PDB file of N, CA and C in Angstrom:
ATOM      1  N   MET A   1       4.700 -14.785   3.594  1.00  0.00           N
ATOM      2  CA  MET A   1       5.756 -15.763   3.725  1.00  0.00           C
ATOM      3  C   MET A   1       5.142 -17.133   3.998  1.00  0.00           C
ATOM      4  N   ILE A   2       5.684 -18.141   3.338  1.00  0.00           N
ATOM      5  CA  ILE A   2       5.282 -19.531   3.555  1.00  0.00           C
ATOM      6  C   ILE A   2       6.526 -20.310   3.963  1.00  0.00           C
ATOM      7  N   ARG A   3       6.436 -21.047   5.052  1.00  0.00           N
ATOM      8  CA  ARG A   3       7.517 -21.945   5.461  1.00  0.00           C
ATOM      9  C   ARG A   3       7.060 -23.370   5.135  1.00  0.00           C
ATOM     10  N   HIS A   4       7.789 -23.992   4.253  1.00  0.00           N
ATOM     11  CA  HIS A   4       7.512 -25.373   3.835  1.00  0.00           C
ATOM     12  C   HIS A   4       8.439 -26.286   4.626  1.00  0.00           C
ATOM     13  N   THR A   5       7.874 -27.283   5.282  1.00  0.00           N
ATOM     14  CA  THR A   5       8.669 -28.212   6.087  1.00  0.00           C
ATOM     15  C   THR A   5       8.298 -29.642   5.751  1.00  0.00           C
ATOM     16  N   VAL A   6       9.272 -30.506   5.875  1.00  0.00           N
ATOM     17  CA  VAL A   6       9.015 -31.934   5.728  1.00  0.00           C
ATOM     18  C   VAL A   6       9.966 -32.678   6.663  1.00  0.00           C
ATOM     19  N   GLN A   7       9.400 -33.586   7.422  1.00  0.00           N
ATOM     20  CA  GLN A   7      10.174 -34.503   8.252  1.00  0.00           C
ATOM     21  C   GLN A   7      10.081 -35.863   7.577  1.00  0.00           C
ATOM     22  N   PHE A   8      11.202 -36.605   7.569  1.00  0.00           N
ATOM     23  CA  PHE A   8      11.178 -37.857   6.823  1.00  0.00           C
ATOM     24  C   PHE A   8      12.169 -38.873   7.366  1.00  0.00           C
ATOM     25  N   LYS A   9      11.916 -40.116   6.975  1.00  0.00           N
ATOM     26  CA  LYS A   9      12.805 -41.232   7.290  1.00  0.00           C
ATOM     27  C   LYS A   9      13.169 -41.900   5.971  1.00  0.00           C
ATOM     28  N   LEU A  10      14.463 -42.087   5.758  1.00  0.00           N
ATOM     29  CA  LEU A  10      14.935 -42.742   4.545  1.00  0.00           C
ATOM     30  C   LEU A  10      14.920 -44.261   4.693  1.00  0.00           C
ATOM     31  N   LYS A  11      14.915 -44.950   3.572  1.00  0.00           N
ATOM     32  CA  LYS A  11      15.011 -46.406   3.555  1.00  0.00           C
ATOM     33  C   LYS A  11      16.450 -46.868   3.768  1.00  0.00           C
ATOM     34  N   HIS A  12      17.407 -45.959   3.666  1.00  0.00           N
ATOM     35  CA  HIS A  12      18.828 -46.287   3.743  1.00  0.00           C
ATOM     36  C   HIS A  12      19.304 -46.421   5.188  1.00  0.00           C
ATOM     37  N   GLU A  13      20.368 -47.162   5.367  1.00  0.00           N
ATOM     38  CA  GLU A  13      21.018 -47.299   6.668  1.00  0.00           C
ATOM     39  C   GLU A  13      21.595 -45.949   7.097  1.00  0.00           C
ATOM     40  N   ARG A  14      21.487 -45.664   8.384  1.00  0.00           N
ATOM     41  CA  ARG A  14      22.039 -44.423   8.928  1.00  0.00           C
ATOM     42  C   ARG A  14      23.546 -44.359   8.671  1.00  0.00           C
ATOM     43  N   GLY A  15      23.991 -43.221   8.146  1.00  0.00           N
ATOM     44  CA  GLY A  15      25.399 -43.004   7.885  1.00  0.00           C
ATOM     45  C   GLY A  15      25.911 -43.625   6.598  1.00  0.00           C
ATOM     46  N   SER A  16      25.042 -44.290   5.848  1.00  0.00           N
ATOM     47  CA  SER A  16      25.467 -44.961   4.619  1.00  0.00           C
ATOM     48  C   SER A  16      25.768 -43.955   3.511  1.00  0.00           C
ATOM     49  N   GLN A  17      26.490 -44.417   2.512  1.00  0.00           N
ATOM     50  CA  GLN A  17      26.773 -43.579   1.351  1.00  0.00           C
ATOM     51  C   GLN A  17      25.480 -43.205   0.626  1.00  0.00           C
ATOM     52  N   LEU A  18      24.507 -44.127   0.587  1.00  0.00           N
ATOM     53  CA  LEU A  18      23.219 -43.833  -0.042  1.00  0.00           C
ATOM     54  C   LEU A  18      22.502 -42.700   0.685  1.00  0.00           C
ATOM     55  N   GLU A  19      22.551 -42.720   2.014  1.00  0.00           N
ATOM     56  CA  GLU A  19      21.951 -41.636   2.798  1.00  0.00           C
ATOM     57  C   GLU A  19      22.643 -40.312   2.482  1.00  0.00           C
ATOM     58  N   GLN A  20      23.953 -40.309   2.493  1.00  0.00           N
ATOM     59  CA  GLN A  20      24.710 -39.078   2.232  1.00  0.00           C
ATOM     60  C   GLN A  20      24.460 -38.556   0.818  1.00  0.00           C
ATOM     61  N   ASP A  21      24.346 -39.458  -0.145  1.00  0.00           N
ATOM     62  CA  ASP A  21      24.082 -39.058  -1.524  1.00  0.00           C
ATOM     63  C   ASP A  21      22.695 -38.424  -1.647  1.00  0.00           C
ATOM     64  N   PHE A  22      21.709 -39.020  -0.982  1.00  0.00           N
ATOM     65  CA  PHE A  22      20.358 -38.458  -1.008  1.00  0.00           C
ATOM     66  C   PHE A  22      20.362 -37.040  -0.445  1.00  0.00           C
ATOM     67  N   LEU A  23      20.991 -36.855   0.717  1.00  0.00           N
ATOM     68  CA  LEU A  23      21.008 -35.544   1.361  1.00  0.00           C
ATOM     69  C   LEU A  23      21.764 -34.508   0.524  1.00  0.00           C
ATOM     70  N   ALA A  24      22.844 -34.923  -0.113  1.00  0.00           N
ATOM     71  CA  ALA A  24      23.585 -34.011  -0.985  1.00  0.00           C
ATOM     72  C   ALA A  24      22.741 -33.591  -2.180  1.00  0.00           C
ATOM     73  N   THR A  25      22.009 -34.531  -2.732  1.00  0.00           N
ATOM     74  CA  THR A  25      21.126 -34.213  -3.855  1.00  0.00           C
ATOM     75  C   THR A  25      19.998 -33.293  -3.409  1.00  0.00           C
ATOM     76  N   ALA A  26      19.436 -33.548  -2.226  1.00  0.00           N
ATOM     77  CA  ALA A  26      18.366 -32.694  -1.696  1.00  0.00           C
ATOM     78  C   ALA A  26      18.849 -31.262  -1.507  1.00  0.00           C
ATOM     79  N   GLN A  27      20.112 -31.095  -1.170  1.00  0.00           N
ATOM     80  CA  GLN A  27      20.674 -29.754  -0.962  1.00  0.00           C
ATOM     81  C   GLN A  27      20.535 -28.887  -2.210  1.00  0.00           C
ATOM     82  N   HIS A  28      20.515 -29.494  -3.374  1.00  0.00           N
ATOM     83  CA  HIS A  28      20.398 -28.749  -4.629  1.00  0.00           C
ATOM     84  C   HIS A  28      19.040 -28.058  -4.777  1.00  0.00           C
ATOM     85  N   LEU A  29      18.044 -28.489  -4.006  1.00  0.00           N
ATOM     86  CA  LEU A  29      16.739 -27.819  -4.057  1.00  0.00           C
ATOM     87  C   LEU A  29      16.854 -26.360  -3.627  1.00  0.00           C
ATOM     88  N   ALA A  30      17.866 -26.036  -2.850  1.00  0.00           N
ATOM     89  CA  ALA A  30      18.070 -24.660  -2.381  1.00  0.00           C
ATOM     90  C   ALA A  30      18.326 -23.686  -3.523  1.00  0.00           C
ATOM     91  N   SER A  31      18.773 -24.193  -4.657  1.00  0.00           N
ATOM     92  CA  SER A  31      19.097 -23.310  -5.782  1.00  0.00           C
ATOM     93  C   SER A  31      17.898 -23.008  -6.681  1.00  0.00           C
ATOM     94  N   ILE A  32      16.756 -23.591  -6.394  1.00  0.00           N
ATOM     95  CA  ILE A  32      15.561 -23.308  -7.190  1.00  0.00           C
ATOM     96  C   ILE A  32      15.111 -21.877  -6.900  1.00  0.00           C
ATOM     97  N   PRO A  33      14.793 -21.099  -7.927  1.00  0.00           N
ATOM     98  CA  PRO A  33      14.389 -19.708  -7.715  1.00  0.00           C
ATOM     99  C   PRO A  33      13.229 -19.592  -6.724  1.00  0.00           C
ATOM    100  N   GLY A  34      13.349 -18.624  -5.823  1.00  0.00           N
ATOM    101  CA  GLY A  34      12.309 -18.364  -4.834  1.00  0.00           C
ATOM    102  C   GLY A  34      12.535 -19.024  -3.490  1.00  0.00           C
ATOM    103  N   VAL A  35      13.437 -20.009  -3.424  1.00  0.00           N
ATOM    104  CA  VAL A  35      13.723 -20.710  -2.169  1.00  0.00           C
ATOM    105  C   VAL A  35      14.669 -19.858  -1.330  1.00  0.00           C
ATOM    106  N   THR A  36      14.287 -19.624  -0.065  1.00  0.00           N
ATOM    107  CA  THR A  36      15.163 -18.942   0.881  1.00  0.00           C
ATOM    108  C   THR A  36      15.184 -19.740   2.183  1.00  0.00           C
ATOM    109  N   GLU A  37      16.136 -19.455   3.019  1.00  0.00           N
ATOM    110  CA  GLU A  37      16.246 -20.062   4.354  1.00  0.00           C
ATOM    111  C   GLU A  37      16.178 -21.591   4.296  1.00  0.00           C
ATOM    112  N   PHE A  38      16.857 -22.177   3.323  1.00  0.00           N
ATOM    113  CA  PHE A  38      16.859 -23.630   3.139  1.00  0.00           C
ATOM    114  C   PHE A  38      17.724 -24.280   4.210  1.00  0.00           C
ATOM    115  N   LEU A  39      17.205 -25.370   4.789  1.00  0.00           N
ATOM    116  CA  LEU A  39      17.936 -26.043   5.854  1.00  0.00           C
ATOM    117  C   LEU A  39      17.598 -27.535   5.859  1.00  0.00           C
ATOM    118  N   ILE A  40      18.639 -28.372   5.960  1.00  0.00           N
ATOM    119  CA  ILE A  40      18.467 -29.805   6.186  1.00  0.00           C
ATOM    120  C   ILE A  40      18.989 -30.083   7.587  1.00  0.00           C
ATOM    121  N   GLU A  41      18.194 -30.808   8.377  1.00  0.00           N
ATOM    122  CA  GLU A  41      18.560 -31.065   9.765  1.00  0.00           C
ATOM    123  C   GLU A  41      18.384 -32.540  10.102  1.00  0.00           C
ATOM    124  N   ARG A  42      19.161 -32.998  11.083  1.00  0.00           N
ATOM    125  CA  ARG A  42      19.004 -34.355  11.604  1.00  0.00           C
ATOM    126  C   ARG A  42      18.150 -34.292  12.860  1.00  0.00           C
ATOM    127  N   GLN A  43      17.185 -35.166  12.970  1.00  0.00           N
ATOM    128  CA  GLN A  43      16.291 -35.255  14.134  1.00  0.00           C
ATOM    129  C   GLN A  43      17.053 -35.812  15.329  1.00  0.00           C
ATOM    130  N   VAL A  44      16.873 -35.206  16.495  1.00  0.00           N
ATOM    131  CA  VAL A  44      17.531 -35.702  17.712  1.00  0.00           C
ATOM    132  C   VAL A  44      16.520 -36.118  18.778  1.00  0.00           C
ATOM    133  N   ASN A  45      15.243 -35.955  18.511  1.00  0.00           N
ATOM    134  CA  ASN A  45      14.200 -36.337  19.463  1.00  0.00           C
ATOM    135  C   ASN A  45      13.905 -37.830  19.294  1.00  0.00           C
ATOM    136  N   ALA A  46      14.194 -38.611  20.309  1.00  0.00           N
ATOM    137  CA  ALA A  46      14.000 -40.064  20.243  1.00  0.00           C
ATOM    138  C   ALA A  46      12.541 -40.461  20.078  1.00  0.00           C
ATOM    139  N   LYS A  47      11.605 -39.570  20.387  1.00  0.00           N
ATOM    140  CA  LYS A  47      10.177 -39.876  20.256  1.00  0.00           C
ATOM    141  C   LYS A  47       9.674 -39.741  18.817  1.00  0.00           C
ATOM    142  N   SER A  48      10.445 -39.116  17.961  1.00  0.00           N
ATOM    143  CA  SER A  48      10.016 -38.909  16.582  1.00  0.00           C
ATOM    144  C   SER A  48      10.374 -40.107  15.719  1.00  0.00           C
ATOM    145  N   PRO A  49       9.465 -40.519  14.832  1.00  0.00           N
ATOM    146  CA  PRO A  49       9.783 -41.620  13.919  1.00  0.00           C
ATOM    147  C   PRO A  49      10.618 -41.169  12.717  1.00  0.00           C
ATOM    148  N   TYR A  50      10.844 -39.859  12.591  1.00  0.00           N
ATOM    149  CA  TYR A  50      11.567 -39.317  11.436  1.00  0.00           C
ATOM    150  C   TYR A  50      13.014 -39.023  11.808  1.00  0.00           C
ATOM    151  N   THR A  51      13.913 -39.123  10.836  1.00  0.00           N
ATOM    152  CA  THR A  51      15.334 -38.921  11.109  1.00  0.00           C
ATOM    153  C   THR A  51      15.885 -37.612  10.561  1.00  0.00           C
ATOM    154  N   PHE A  52      15.183 -36.990   9.618  1.00  0.00           N
ATOM    155  CA  PHE A  52      15.650 -35.742   9.016  1.00  0.00           C
ATOM    156  C   PHE A  52      14.503 -34.762   8.843  1.00  0.00           C
ATOM    157  N   GLY A  53      14.871 -33.519   8.682  1.00  0.00           N
ATOM    158  CA  GLY A  53      13.910 -32.477   8.348  1.00  0.00           C
ATOM    159  C   GLY A  53      14.509 -31.561   7.300  1.00  0.00           C
ATOM    160  N   ILE A  54      13.662 -31.077   6.427  1.00  0.00           N
ATOM    161  CA  ILE A  54      14.037 -30.043   5.467  1.00  0.00           C
ATOM    162  C   ILE A  54      13.032 -28.920   5.635  1.00  0.00           C
ATOM    163  N   SER A  55      13.535 -27.694   5.667  1.00  0.00           N
ATOM    164  CA  SER A  55      12.636 -26.540   5.694  1.00  0.00           C
ATOM    165  C   SER A  55      13.167 -25.482   4.738  1.00  0.00           C
ATOM    166  N   MET A  56      12.255 -24.688   4.251  1.00  0.00           N
ATOM    167  CA  MET A  56      12.589 -23.589   3.349  1.00  0.00           C
ATOM    168  C   MET A  56      11.467 -22.575   3.403  1.00  0.00           C
ATOM    169  N   GLU A  57      11.762 -21.371   2.976  1.00  0.00           N
ATOM    170  CA  GLU A  57      10.755 -20.315   2.973  1.00  0.00           C
ATOM    171  C   GLU A  57      10.581 -19.752   1.576  1.00  0.00           C
ATOM    172  N   PHE A  58       9.375 -19.224   1.357  1.00  0.00           N
ATOM    173  CA  PHE A  58       9.010 -18.580   0.096  1.00  0.00           C
ATOM    174  C   PHE A  58       8.345 -17.246   0.414  1.00  0.00           C
ATOM    175  N   ALA A  59       8.587 -16.262  -0.402  1.00  0.00           N
ATOM    176  CA  ALA A  59       8.024 -14.929  -0.169  1.00  0.00           C
ATOM    177  C   ALA A  59       6.503 -14.933  -0.223  1.00  0.00           C
ATOM    178  N   ASP A  60       5.939 -15.759  -1.115  1.00  0.00           N
ATOM    179  CA  ASP A  60       4.494 -15.761  -1.301  1.00  0.00           C
ATOM    180  C   ASP A  60       4.067 -17.043  -2.013  1.00  0.00           C
ATOM    181  N   GLN A  61       2.774 -17.167  -2.257  1.00  0.00           N
ATOM    182  CA  GLN A  61       2.231 -18.364  -2.898  1.00  0.00           C
ATOM    183  C   GLN A  61       2.772 -18.550  -4.305  1.00  0.00           C
ATOM    184  N   THR A  62       2.983 -17.450  -5.023  1.00  0.00           N
ATOM    185  CA  THR A  62       3.516 -17.548  -6.380  1.00  0.00           C
ATOM    186  C   THR A  62       4.894 -18.193  -6.371  1.00  0.00           C
ATOM    187  N   ALA A  63       5.759 -17.758  -5.466  1.00  0.00           N
ATOM    188  CA  ALA A  63       7.106 -18.335  -5.368  1.00  0.00           C
ATOM    189  C   ALA A  63       7.029 -19.817  -5.001  1.00  0.00           C
ATOM    190  N   TYR A  64       6.094 -20.167  -4.115  1.00  0.00           N
ATOM    191  CA  TYR A  64       5.928 -21.569  -3.725  1.00  0.00           C
ATOM    192  C   TYR A  64       5.428 -22.406  -4.902  1.00  0.00           C
ATOM    193  N   ASP A  65       4.514 -21.858  -5.683  1.00  0.00           N
ATOM    194  CA  ASP A  65       4.003 -22.564  -6.856  1.00  0.00           C
ATOM    195  C   ASP A  65       5.101 -22.785  -7.900  1.00  0.00           C
ATOM    196  N   VAL A  66       5.963 -21.793  -8.078  1.00  0.00           N
ATOM    197  CA  VAL A  66       7.086 -21.927  -9.006  1.00  0.00           C
ATOM    198  C   VAL A  66       7.985 -23.082  -8.563  1.00  0.00           C
ATOM    199  N   TYR A  67       8.279 -23.143  -7.275  1.00  0.00           N
ATOM    200  CA  TYR A  67       9.095 -24.227  -6.724  1.00  0.00           C
ATOM    201  C   TYR A  67       8.449 -25.586  -6.969  1.00  0.00           C
ATOM    202  N   ASN A  68       7.170 -25.701  -6.650  1.00  0.00           N
ATOM    203  CA  ASN A  68       6.473 -26.982  -6.778  1.00  0.00           C
ATOM    204  C   ASN A  68       6.454 -27.515  -8.202  1.00  0.00           C
ATOM    205  N   SER A  69       6.433 -26.631  -9.182  1.00  0.00           N
ATOM    206  CA  SER A  69       6.382 -27.081 -10.572  1.00  0.00           C
ATOM    207  C   SER A  69       7.742 -27.041 -11.266  1.00  0.00           C
ATOM    208  N   HIS A  70       8.776 -26.601 -10.568  1.00  0.00           N
ATOM    209  CA  HIS A  70      10.110 -26.511 -11.169  1.00  0.00           C
ATOM    210  C   HIS A  70      10.621 -27.924 -11.510  1.00  0.00           C
ATOM    211  N   PRO A  71      11.238 -28.098 -12.674  1.00  0.00           N
ATOM    212  CA  PRO A  71      11.701 -29.433 -13.071  1.00  0.00           C
ATOM    213  C   PRO A  71      12.727 -30.043 -12.116  1.00  0.00           C
ATOM    214  N   ASP A  72      13.537 -29.228 -11.447  1.00  0.00           N
ATOM    215  CA  ASP A  72      14.486 -29.786 -10.476  1.00  0.00           C
ATOM    216  C   ASP A  72      13.754 -30.393  -9.283  1.00  0.00           C
ATOM    217  N   HIS A  73      12.662 -29.753  -8.871  1.00  0.00           N
ATOM    218  CA  HIS A  73      11.870 -30.278  -7.750  1.00  0.00           C
ATOM    219  C   HIS A  73      11.089 -31.521  -8.175  1.00  0.00           C
ATOM    220  N   THR A  74      10.382 -31.444  -9.276  1.00  0.00           N
ATOM    221  CA  THR A  74       9.573 -32.591  -9.704  1.00  0.00           C
ATOM    222  C   THR A  74      10.464 -33.788 -10.040  1.00  0.00           C
ATOM    223  N   GLY A  75      11.642 -33.538 -10.621  1.00  0.00           N
ATOM    224  CA  GLY A  75      12.576 -34.624 -10.898  1.00  0.00           C
ATOM    225  C   GLY A  75      13.105 -35.261  -9.624  1.00  0.00           C
ATOM    226  N   PHE A  76      13.408 -34.434  -8.614  1.00  0.00           N
ATOM    227  CA  PHE A  76      13.868 -34.955  -7.330  1.00  0.00           C
ATOM    228  C   PHE A  76      12.792 -35.829  -6.695  1.00  0.00           C
ATOM    229  N   VAL A  77      11.558 -35.371  -6.725  1.00  0.00           N
ATOM    230  CA  VAL A  77      10.457 -36.143  -6.129  1.00  0.00           C
ATOM    231  C   VAL A  77      10.319 -37.494  -6.825  1.00  0.00           C
ATOM    232  N   GLN A  78      10.303 -37.487  -8.139  1.00  0.00           N
ATOM    233  CA  GLN A  78      10.106 -38.734  -8.892  1.00  0.00           C
ATOM    234  C   GLN A  78      11.303 -39.680  -8.796  1.00  0.00           C
ATOM    235  N   ASN A  79      12.506 -39.134  -8.914  1.00  0.00           N
ATOM    236  CA  ASN A  79      13.696 -39.971  -9.037  1.00  0.00           C
ATOM    237  C   ASN A  79      14.380 -40.314  -7.718  1.00  0.00           C
ATOM    238  N   ARG A  80      14.173 -39.518  -6.686  1.00  0.00           N
ATOM    239  CA  ARG A  80      14.845 -39.763  -5.415  1.00  0.00           C
ATOM    240  C   ARG A  80      13.852 -39.928  -4.263  1.00  0.00           C
ATOM    241  N   TRP A  81      12.933 -38.955  -4.101  1.00  0.00           N
ATOM    242  CA  TRP A  81      12.039 -38.961  -2.938  1.00  0.00           C
ATOM    243  C   TRP A  81      11.158 -40.206  -2.907  1.00  0.00           C
ATOM    244  N   LEU A  82      10.395 -40.429  -3.934  1.00  0.00           N
ATOM    245  CA  LEU A  82       9.454 -41.561  -3.938  1.00  0.00           C
ATOM    246  C   LEU A  82      10.159 -42.907  -3.768  1.00  0.00           C
ATOM    247  N   PRO A  83      11.279 -43.160  -4.448  1.00  0.00           N
ATOM    248  CA  PRO A  83      11.932 -44.460  -4.265  1.00  0.00           C
ATOM    249  C   PRO A  83      12.702 -44.621  -2.948  1.00  0.00           C
ATOM    250  N   GLU A  84      13.145 -43.518  -2.324  1.00  0.00           N
ATOM    251  CA  GLU A  84      14.082 -43.631  -1.214  1.00  0.00           C
ATOM    252  C   GLU A  84      13.540 -43.232   0.157  1.00  0.00           C
ATOM    253  N   VAL A  85      12.386 -42.571   0.190  1.00  0.00           N
ATOM    254  CA  VAL A  85      11.827 -42.124   1.476  1.00  0.00           C
ATOM    255  C   VAL A  85      10.808 -43.146   1.961  1.00  0.00           C
ATOM    256  N   GLU A  86      11.009 -43.599   3.194  1.00  0.00           N
ATOM    257  CA  GLU A  86      10.127 -44.602   3.795  1.00  0.00           C
ATOM    258  C   GLU A  86       8.827 -43.985   4.298  1.00  0.00           C
ATOM    259  N   SER A  87       8.933 -42.844   4.971  1.00  0.00           N
ATOM    260  CA  SER A  87       7.741 -42.163   5.507  1.00  0.00           C
ATOM    261  C   SER A  87       8.067 -40.688   5.692  1.00  0.00           C
ATOM    262  N   PHE A  88       7.011 -39.848   5.700  1.00  0.00           N
ATOM    263  CA  PHE A  88       7.242 -38.417   5.877  1.00  0.00           C
ATOM    264  C   PHE A  88       5.983 -37.717   6.377  1.00  0.00           C
ATOM    265  N   LEU A  89       6.199 -36.514   6.871  1.00  0.00           N
ATOM    266  CA  LEU A  89       5.140 -35.620   7.328  1.00  0.00           C
ATOM    267  C   LEU A  89       5.478 -34.248   6.755  1.00  0.00           C
ATOM    268  N   GLU A  90       4.546 -33.669   6.017  1.00  0.00           N
ATOM    269  CA  GLU A  90       4.774 -32.388   5.349  1.00  0.00           C
ATOM    270  C   GLU A  90       3.876 -31.331   5.963  1.00  0.00           C
ATOM    271  N   GLY A  91       4.383 -30.108   6.053  1.00  0.00           N
ATOM    272  CA  GLY A  91       3.587 -28.995   6.565  1.00  0.00           C
ATOM    273  C   GLY A  91       3.987 -27.699   5.889  1.00  0.00           C
ATOM    274  N   ASP A  92       3.018 -26.840   5.689  1.00  0.00           N
ATOM    275  CA  ASP A  92       3.247 -25.504   5.131  1.00  0.00           C
ATOM    276  C   ASP A  92       2.610 -24.504   6.078  1.00  0.00           C
ATOM    277  N   PHE A  93       3.393 -23.515   6.491  1.00  0.00           N
ATOM    278  CA  PHE A  93       2.952 -22.599   7.537  1.00  0.00           C
ATOM    279  C   PHE A  93       3.099 -21.149   7.087  1.00  0.00           C
ATOM    280  N   VAL A  94       2.164 -20.335   7.526  1.00  0.00           N
ATOM    281  CA  VAL A  94       2.250 -18.879   7.348  1.00  0.00           C
ATOM    282  C   VAL A  94       2.175 -18.244   8.741  1.00  0.00           C
ATOM    283  N   PRO A  95       2.836 -17.109   8.925  1.00  0.00           N
ATOM    284  CA  PRO A  95       2.802 -16.458  10.237  1.00  0.00           C
ATOM    285  C   PRO A  95       1.386 -16.032  10.621  1.00  0.00           C
ATOM    286  N   LEU A  96       1.109 -16.056  11.898  1.00  0.00           N
ATOM    287  CA  LEU A  96      -0.195 -15.572  12.397  1.00  0.00           C
ATOM    288  C   LEU A  96      -0.225 -14.067  12.402  1.00  0.00           C
TER     289      LEU A  96
END
């Protein structure tokens, strides 16, 4: 199992329609084959520079590779993530 996580801050104003549209579009990543336990969360820790988190799980490396190369994912990265995300921290974890 691989848990893919990303914490991020958008360039958009908090609560704006642009923010809501981005998050709604990101939700569609959950439908990519192999994605399980998909979750979008709002950060509540005032010490963190990030405002949102996305996490998802994959059964194995093959499923994760399929996700990374899927056109819905690569299109989201090119068309939404790169232009709209100000900063982020990404992590991929496997159980000990």
